[in-house]
Amino acid sequence: MIYYGAVFVLSIFLVVFQSTALDLLFLGKIRLELSLIVVIYGGLYMDAVKGGVLSLLLGFLLDSMTGVMPGLYTFIYVAVFALTKRLSYRVYPEGITTVILLTFFCSLAEGMIIVLIYKTGFGIDAFHEIFNTYLLQSLVVAVIAPACFSMLHKIQEITGERAET
C-alpha cells in the first residue's frame, strides 16, 4: 500500500516537473517525455500490476494537466506499457541499443498517434510536425533513456523493490 502512495506522489512531481520546468528549459519547442521513459521502464522491468497502475496513473495525470483530448495520454501510455511488457520477454532489456531503439520507436509512435488523432478528430493538419517536432523529441528522449533507466534501477535498489527481468 505504501508503494502505491509513493508512486502517486512521485508521479505528480514527475508530471509537474515535466510539464513546467522542462518545458521552460526547451522554450516550448519540444516536450521531454520523462514519463514515457518511466512507462517503458515499467513495461520492461516491473510486474504487470505495478507497471500497469504506474502507466495508467501517469497517463491520467498528463491528461489532467496537458491533455486536449480526454483520455489520449492514458490510452497511449497503457498501450506503450502493454507493448513493452509483451516485448520484454523477447528482447534483451539490459542492452543500451535495445533501450535506445525501443524508446525512440515508442516516442515516435506516440507523436504519430497524436498527429493522427488531431487530423481525424479536429481536422488539424499537423503532419509536418512529425519531422519538425516529434522526430527531434524522439531522438532526445532515446538518448537520455539509458541514463534514466540506470537512475530508476538505483531507485529500485534503494527502495528494496526487485526489478523483474
Foldseek 3Di string as FASTA:
>chain_A
DVVVVVLLVVLLVVLVCQVPVVCVVVVVQAGQPPLLLVLLLCLQWNDPVVSLVSLQSNQQSCCVPPNPDPPLSNVLSNVLSVVSNVCNVVDDVVDLVVQLVSQLVSQLVSVVVVQVCCCVPVVDNDPVCSVRYSNVSSNVNSVCSVVSSVVVCVVCVVVVHGIHD
